[in-house]
Amino acid sequence: MFNPERLSIARKRRQLTKKSLAEKAGISQLTLTRIETGQTQDPEEETVAALARVLAYPASFFYLGDCEELPPEAVSFRSLSSLTAKQRDSALSAGAIAHLLDDWVTERFNLPQPNLLDLRHEDPEAAAIALRRHWGIGSKPIPHLVKLLEAKGVRVFSLAENTKNVDAFSCWRNGVPYVFLNTFKSAERSRFDAAHEIGHLVLHLHGGTSGREVEREADQFASAFLIPRDDFVAHVPMVRSLEQLLTHKSRWGVSVAALARTAFEAGVLSDWHYRELCKQISYRGYRTQEPLPMQREESVLWKKVFEELWKDRLTRDHVAAQLDVPSDEISSLVGGLLGSGSNLSSSRKEPFRLRAV
């Protein structure tokens, strides 16, 4: 049977309206609406072929079972102010494809089990300290956040949306936490986005809460999680200049703006001096072009998955074919976390091992 939900997902992934898709496929908008709403349960093969051609999806994709499309209320987006409906729907539909990929991989490998806490009754800074303690990392800097999250059972995916409007988002599904990162952002911003989403996952559990206060709490969690106050004060007891902050940037792997904010909140920077530093950061263009940029973090889990698959001569294209999705969807979900082809070799010090089921 034709699955209209899958047509809706593919259309949203391509950020097409019903009107534009109908025009490109050479059918009426009414015909498309009837197909996508399920009123036409068995569309003609020629029509499905035309839709598949425009969407660049295999026609077989539309004849499979339901996908778990994420409802907006179940997701925490990193930024909402500049997010269009098309961009939001495209990101949510990416989540549906990610669930298909995660289910496929989970059937074949023993992945790390989720190891987060329910910290809804804690304030953000206390929650960050509690999670660090739970994970046994104390106040030490986190050199590789993506690797840490994957080791703790968080499924991390990339978003190749080529826009700054979709920063990141997260959700829970069947007890498994998911984080989606926009690799269009700087490496420092991606780290903060990832920590921000962990804040949502442990503080809010996506219970329908949203708004500025919720986002502010997730920001506070991210700051405390990435830059523990005690560690910061021990290494930066007083801030004298922007250059001084730049020398400490690599320790915590955050933006210079985030360091300035932490210094102010830790009481080692006066209100006047903080405002002056913010002006300098803006004047030098550091809000859009991070100084002394760090190397983007790459996934350990996805590298290991594809290395194991390659032992059976299975590539991303084979995985896409197994899922009946375009290869570019697999690349969008993991490519931003794998780096260049030469980086597919794994580190010798992984926090976990993959075992085939």
Protein backbone atom coordinates (compact mmCIF):
# COMPACT_ATOMS: atom_id res chain seq x y z
CA MET A 1 0.00 0.00 0.00
CA PHE A 2 1.14 3.54 -0.73
CA ASN A 3 2.11 5.34 2.50
CA PRO A 4 1.08 9.01 2.38
CA GLU A 5 3.03 9.81 5.56
CA ARG A 6 6.27 8.96 3.78
CA LEU A 7 5.39 11.26 0.91
CA SER A 8 4.87 14.07 3.42
CA ILE A 9 8.26 13.36 5.02
CA ALA A 10 10.08 13.37 1.68
CA ARG A 11 8.37 16.59 0.60
CA LYS A 12 9.29 18.33 3.84
CA ARG A 13 12.88 17.10 3.63
CA ARG A 14 13.15 18.81 0.25
CA GLN A 15 11.46 21.93 1.68
CA LEU A 16 8.77 21.93 -0.99
CA THR A 17 5.21 23.12 -0.60
CA LYS A 18 2.39 20.98 -1.97
CA LYS A 19 1.89 23.54 -4.70
CA SER A 20 5.52 23.55 -5.84
CA LEU A 21 5.83 19.75 -5.71
CA ALA A 22 2.64 19.32 -7.73
CA GLU A 23 3.87 21.77 -10.36
CA LYS A 24 7.27 20.09 -10.66
CA ALA A 25 5.65 16.63 -10.89
CA GLY A 26 3.13 17.77 -13.48
CA ILE A 27 0.03 17.00 -11.42
CA SER A 28 -2.65 19.18 -9.88
CA GLN A 29 -2.34 20.42 -6.33
CA LEU A 30 -5.69 18.79 -5.55
CA THR A 31 -4.36 15.42 -6.74
CA LEU A 32 -1.28 15.77 -4.56
CA THR A 33 -3.34 16.81 -1.54
CA ARG A 34 -5.62 13.80 -1.94
CA ILE A 35 -2.58 11.50 -2.15
CA GLU A 36 -0.78 13.02 0.85
CA THR A 37 -3.90 13.00 3.03
CA GLY A 38 -4.64 9.37 2.17
CA GLN A 39 -7.86 10.08 0.29
CA THR A 40 -6.29 8.49 -2.78
CA GLN A 41 -5.00 5.22 -1.41
CA ASP A 42 -3.57 3.75 -4.61
CA PRO A 43 -2.11 6.49 -6.82
CA GLU A 44 -1.11 5.61 -10.36
CA GLU A 45 2.42 4.32 -10.89
CA GLU A 46 3.19 7.18 -13.29
CA THR A 47 2.22 9.70 -10.65
CA VAL A 48 4.36 8.04 -7.97
CA ALA A 49 7.27 7.86 -10.41
CA ALA A 50 6.96 11.59 -11.13
CA LEU A 51 6.89 12.43 -7.42
CA ALA A 52 9.89 10.17 -6.76
CA ARG A 53 11.82 11.84 -9.59
CA VAL A 54 11.20 15.35 -8.27
CA LEU A 55 11.97 14.41 -4.66
CA ALA A 56 14.98 12.26 -5.65
CA TYR A 57 13.65 9.44 -3.46
CA PRO A 58 13.30 5.79 -4.53
CA ALA A 59 9.69 5.03 -5.40
CA SER A 60 9.93 2.02 -3.07
CA PHE A 61 10.31 4.42 -0.11
CA PHE A 62 6.62 5.35 -0.41
CA TYR A 63 5.40 1.76 -0.08
CA LEU A 64 6.95 0.89 3.29
CA GLY A 65 5.64 1.10 6.86
CA ASP A 66 5.05 4.22 8.91
CA CYS A 67 7.93 6.46 9.94
CA GLU A 68 7.94 8.05 13.38
CA GLU A 69 7.69 11.69 12.38
CA LEU A 70 8.58 13.91 15.32
CA PRO A 71 5.79 16.16 16.59
CA PRO A 72 7.01 19.75 17.17
CA GLU A 73 6.02 19.64 20.84
CA ALA A 74 8.36 16.66 21.43
CA VAL A 75 11.42 18.54 20.23
CA SER A 76 13.58 21.28 21.70
CA PHE A 77 15.08 23.48 19.01
CA ARG A 78 18.25 25.40 19.85
CA SER A 79 16.86 28.51 18.15
CA LEU A 80 13.30 29.48 17.21
CA SER A 81 13.48 33.20 16.48
CA SER A 82 14.70 32.88 12.89
CA LEU A 83 13.44 29.38 12.12
CA THR A 84 10.94 29.17 9.26
CA ALA A 85 8.19 26.56 9.09
CA LYS A 86 9.91 24.91 6.11
CA GLN A 87 13.20 24.66 7.97
CA ARG A 88 11.51 23.31 11.10
CA ASP A 89 9.56 20.67 9.15
CA SER A 90 12.65 19.66 7.19
CA ALA A 91 14.62 19.20 10.43
CA LEU A 92 11.80 17.19 12.02
CA SER A 93 11.60 14.98 8.94
CA ALA A 94 15.35 14.43 9.17
CA GLY A 95 14.61 13.04 12.62
CA ALA A 96 12.23 10.50 11.09
CA ILE A 97 14.96 9.30 8.70
CA ALA A 98 17.44 9.20 11.59
CA HIS A 99 15.11 6.90 13.51
CA LEU A 100 15.05 4.51 10.54
CA LEU A 101 18.85 4.54 10.41
CA ASP A 102 19.21 4.13 14.17
CA ASP A 103 16.80 1.17 14.21
CA TRP A 104 18.74 -0.47 11.36
CA VAL A 105 22.07 -0.04 13.15
CA THR A 106 20.69 -1.08 16.54
CA GLU A 107 19.51 -4.38 15.04
CA ARG A 108 23.08 -5.14 13.94
CA PHE A 109 25.27 -3.71 16.71
CA ASN A 110 25.31 -3.49 20.48
CA LEU A 111 25.30 0.26 21.02
CA PRO A 112 25.97 1.97 24.36
CA GLN A 113 22.89 2.15 26.56
CA PRO A 114 21.50 5.56 27.59
CA ASN A 115 23.03 6.77 30.84
CA LEU A 116 21.44 10.15 31.58
CA LEU A 117 19.65 11.43 34.68
CA ASP A 118 16.24 12.91 35.33
CA LEU A 119 17.20 16.31 36.74
CA ARG A 120 13.93 18.17 36.33
CA HIS A 121 13.95 19.29 39.95
CA GLU A 122 17.49 20.71 39.91
CA ASP A 123 18.61 24.18 38.94
CA PRO A 124 20.74 24.21 35.74
CA GLU A 125 24.16 24.59 37.39
CA ALA A 126 23.44 21.92 40.01
CA ALA A 127 22.16 19.63 37.24
CA ALA A 128 25.40 20.10 35.26
CA ILE A 129 27.47 19.25 38.34
CA ALA A 130 25.28 16.21 39.08
CA LEU A 131 25.61 14.83 35.55
CA ARG A 132 29.37 15.37 35.56
CA ARG A 133 29.59 13.52 38.87
CA HIS A 134 27.35 10.73 37.53
CA TRP A 135 29.62 10.34 34.50
CA GLY A 136 32.75 10.43 36.66
CA ILE A 137 34.40 13.44 35.04
CA GLY A 138 34.40 15.80 38.02
CA SER A 139 35.54 19.30 37.08
CA LYS A 140 37.90 18.26 34.31
CA PRO A 141 37.61 19.83 30.84
CA ILE A 142 35.84 17.70 28.25
CA PRO A 143 38.25 17.33 25.31
CA HIS A 144 35.79 15.48 23.05
CA LEU A 145 32.13 16.05 23.85
CA VAL A 146 30.61 14.07 20.96
CA LYS A 147 32.64 10.99 21.93
CA LEU A 148 31.53 11.36 25.55
CA LEU A 149 27.86 11.66 24.60
CA GLU A 150 28.02 8.63 22.32
CA ALA A 151 29.65 6.61 25.09
CA LYS A 152 26.74 7.54 27.36
CA GLY A 153 24.15 6.29 24.88
CA VAL A 154 23.21 9.57 23.22
CA ARG A 155 22.58 9.16 19.48
CA VAL A 156 24.31 12.09 17.79
CA PHE A 157 23.44 13.03 14.21
CA SER A 158 24.43 15.89 11.95
CA LEU A 159 22.17 18.30 10.08
CA ALA A 160 23.44 19.39 6.67
CA GLU A 161 20.88 22.16 6.29
CA ASN A 162 23.35 24.80 5.04
CA THR A 163 21.66 27.45 7.13
CA LYS A 164 22.40 29.03 10.49
CA ASN A 165 18.72 29.19 11.36
CA VAL A 166 18.56 25.55 12.46
CA ASP A 167 21.15 25.39 15.23
CA ALA A 168 20.39 22.04 16.82
CA PHE A 169 17.58 20.06 18.37
CA SER A 170 17.04 17.06 20.60
CA CYS A 171 14.36 14.58 21.61
CA TRP A 172 13.68 11.37 23.49
CA ARG A 173 12.35 8.30 21.68
CA ASN A 174 11.61 5.00 23.41
CA GLY A 175 13.99 5.91 26.23
CA VAL A 176 16.82 6.83 23.83
CA PRO A 177 18.12 10.43 23.68
CA TYR A 178 18.84 12.00 20.29
CA VAL A 179 20.84 15.13 19.51
CA PHE A 180 21.04 16.72 16.07
CA LEU A 181 23.84 19.21 15.40
CA ASN A 182 24.13 21.69 12.55
CA THR A 183 27.67 21.26 11.25
CA PHE A 184 27.31 24.53 9.35
CA LYS A 185 28.24 26.17 12.65
CA SER A 186 31.71 26.59 14.14
CA ALA A 187 33.19 23.73 16.14
CA GLU A 188 32.91 25.76 19.35
CA ARG A 189 29.26 26.58 18.68
CA SER A 190 28.48 22.92 17.94
CA ARG A 191 29.96 21.90 21.29
CA PHE A 192 27.84 24.47 23.11
CA ASP A 193 24.78 23.40 21.10
CA ALA A 194 25.39 19.77 22.08
CA ALA A 195 25.69 20.67 25.77
CA HIS A 196 22.59 22.89 25.47
CA GLU A 197 20.61 19.93 24.10
CA ILE A 198 21.81 17.66 26.90
CA GLY A 199 20.45 20.31 29.22
CA HIS A 200 17.04 19.97 27.58
CA LEU A 201 17.20 16.18 27.77
CA VAL A 202 17.90 16.06 31.51
CA LEU A 203 16.12 19.22 32.70
CA HIS A 204 12.97 19.23 30.60
CA LEU A 205 12.58 15.75 29.12
CA HIS A 206 10.54 17.38 26.33
CA GLY A 207 7.38 17.51 28.34
CA GLY A 208 5.81 20.19 26.18
CA THR A 209 7.72 23.02 27.86
CA SER A 210 9.15 25.76 25.68
CA GLY A 211 9.96 29.44 25.66
CA ARG A 212 12.73 31.79 26.64
CA GLU A 213 12.99 30.56 30.22
CA VAL A 214 13.50 26.96 29.10
CA GLU A 215 16.16 28.05 26.58
CA ARG A 216 17.86 30.18 29.24
CA GLU A 217 18.03 27.17 31.59
CA ALA A 218 19.55 25.01 28.85
CA ASP A 219 22.14 27.74 28.19
CA GLN A 220 23.00 27.90 31.89
CA PHE A 221 23.37 24.13 31.99
CA ALA A 222 25.63 24.15 28.91
CA SER A 223 27.86 26.84 30.34
CA ALA A 224 28.23 25.08 33.70
CA PHE A 225 28.70 21.69 32.04
CA LEU A 226 31.44 22.80 29.64
CA ILE A 227 33.14 25.34 31.95
CA PRO A 228 32.84 24.22 35.59
CA ARG A 229 32.98 27.33 37.76
CA ASP A 230 35.65 25.98 40.15
CA ASP A 231 37.95 24.99 37.31
CA PHE A 232 37.50 28.34 35.58
CA VAL A 233 38.27 30.42 38.67
CA ALA A 234 41.31 28.25 39.45
CA HIS A 235 42.79 28.99 36.02
CA VAL A 236 41.42 32.50 35.46
CA PRO A 237 41.19 34.23 38.87
CA MET A 238 41.11 37.63 37.17
CA VAL A 239 40.41 38.79 33.61
CA ARG A 240 42.56 41.66 32.38
CA SER A 241 42.03 41.56 28.62
CA LEU A 242 40.39 39.81 25.70
CA GLU A 243 43.79 38.40 24.72
CA GLN A 244 44.01 36.70 28.09
CA LEU A 245 40.71 34.93 27.46
CA LEU A 246 41.93 33.82 24.04
CA THR A 247 44.86 31.99 25.65
CA HIS A 248 42.42 29.92 27.71
CA LYS A 249 39.92 29.14 24.94
CA SER A 250 41.38 25.79 24.00
CA ARG A 251 41.12 24.43 27.56
CA TRP A 252 37.32 24.36 27.57
CA GLY A 253 36.63 24.30 23.83
CA VAL A 254 34.10 27.11 23.81
CA SER A 255 33.77 30.48 22.10
CA VAL A 256 35.52 33.54 23.49
CA ALA A 257 32.06 35.07 24.03
CA ALA A 258 31.08 32.11 26.23
CA LEU A 259 34.29 32.52 28.25
CA ALA A 260 33.59 36.21 28.79
CA ARG A 261 30.09 35.41 29.99
CA THR A 262 31.41 32.78 32.38
CA ALA A 263 33.98 35.22 33.75
CA PHE A 264 31.25 37.75 34.41
CA GLU A 265 28.95 35.23 36.11
CA ALA A 266 31.89 33.90 38.17
CA GLY A 267 32.52 37.39 39.53
CA VAL A 268 36.04 37.77 38.12
CA LEU A 269 34.87 40.39 35.61
CA SER A 270 32.98 43.58 36.44
CA ASP A 271 29.81 44.57 34.66
CA TRP A 272 31.56 47.50 32.94
CA HIS A 273 34.55 45.39 31.88
CA TYR A 274 32.22 42.65 30.59
CA ARG A 275 30.32 45.12 28.43
CA GLU A 276 33.62 46.46 27.07
CA LEU A 277 34.80 42.95 26.20
CA CYS A 278 31.49 42.26 24.44
CA LYS A 279 32.02 45.39 22.33
CA GLN A 280 35.54 44.24 21.42
CA ILE A 281 34.28 40.76 20.52
CA SER A 282 31.68 42.26 18.20
CA TYR A 283 34.08 44.84 16.72
CA ARG A 284 36.66 42.17 15.86
CA GLY A 285 34.00 39.97 14.23
CA TYR A 286 34.50 37.15 16.72
CA ARG A 287 30.76 36.45 16.95
CA THR A 288 30.71 35.26 13.33
CA GLN A 289 34.34 34.18 12.87
CA GLU A 290 35.73 32.47 15.94
CA PRO A 291 39.39 33.34 16.70
CA LEU A 292 41.85 30.48 17.12
CA PRO A 293 39.23 28.00 15.92
CA MET A 294 39.34 24.47 17.25
CA GLN A 295 39.11 21.37 15.10
CA ARG A 296 35.58 20.06 14.62
CA GLU A 297 34.78 17.01 16.70
CA GLU A 298 34.08 13.81 14.84
CA SER A 299 32.00 10.81 15.77
CA VAL A 300 33.67 7.70 17.12
CA LEU A 301 30.50 5.61 17.00
CA TRP A 302 29.65 6.28 13.35
CA LYS A 303 33.25 5.68 12.29
CA LYS A 304 33.20 2.31 14.05
CA VAL A 305 29.81 1.43 12.53
CA PHE A 306 30.96 2.05 8.98
CA GLU A 307 34.31 0.38 9.57
CA GLU A 308 32.50 -2.76 10.73
CA LEU A 309 30.09 -2.58 7.80
CA TRP A 310 32.99 -2.18 5.39
CA LYS A 311 34.35 -5.53 6.56
CA ASP A 312 31.34 -6.96 4.71
CA ARG A 313 31.94 -4.44 1.88
CA LEU A 314 28.88 -2.42 2.91
CA THR A 315 29.03 1.33 2.33
CA ARG A 316 26.72 4.23 3.09
CA ASP A 317 25.13 3.64 -0.31
CA HIS A 318 24.32 0.07 0.70
CA VAL A 319 22.76 1.26 3.94
CA ALA A 320 20.68 3.78 2.03
CA ALA A 321 19.50 1.05 -0.32
CA GLN A 322 18.55 -1.14 2.65
CA LEU A 323 16.43 1.71 4.03
CA ASP A 324 15.08 2.75 0.60
CA VAL A 325 16.24 6.32 1.14
CA PRO A 326 18.52 8.50 -0.99
CA SER A 327 22.24 8.27 -0.21
CA ASP A 328 22.32 12.00 0.45
CA GLU A 329 20.06 11.49 3.47
CA ILE A 330 22.61 9.15 5.08
CA SER A 331 25.38 11.62 4.29
CA SER A 332 23.35 14.46 5.81
CA LEU A 333 22.80 12.55 9.04
CA VAL A 334 26.35 11.30 9.62
CA GLY A 335 28.63 12.97 7.08
CA GLY A 336 29.15 16.10 9.14
CA LEU A 337 30.43 13.92 11.99
CA LEU A 338 32.82 11.82 9.94
CA GLY A 339 35.08 14.46 8.44
CA SER A 340 37.04 13.72 5.28
CA GLY A 341 37.44 10.20 3.93
CA SER A 342 40.94 9.95 5.39
CA ASN A 343 39.50 10.35 8.89
CA LEU A 344 37.56 7.08 8.85
CA SER A 345 40.23 5.34 10.90
CA SER A 346 39.28 4.99 14.54
CA SER A 347 41.09 6.31 17.57
CA ARG A 348 42.91 3.77 19.70
CA LYS A 349 41.33 5.10 22.88
CA GLU A 350 37.61 4.76 22.36
CA PRO A 351 35.32 4.81 25.40
CA PHE A 352 33.39 1.82 24.07
CA ARG A 353 33.59 -1.00 21.56
CA LEU A 354 31.02 -1.93 18.95
CA ARG A 355 30.03 -5.56 18.74
CA ALA A 356 27.89 -7.01 16.00
CA VAL A 357 24.66 -8.57 17.24
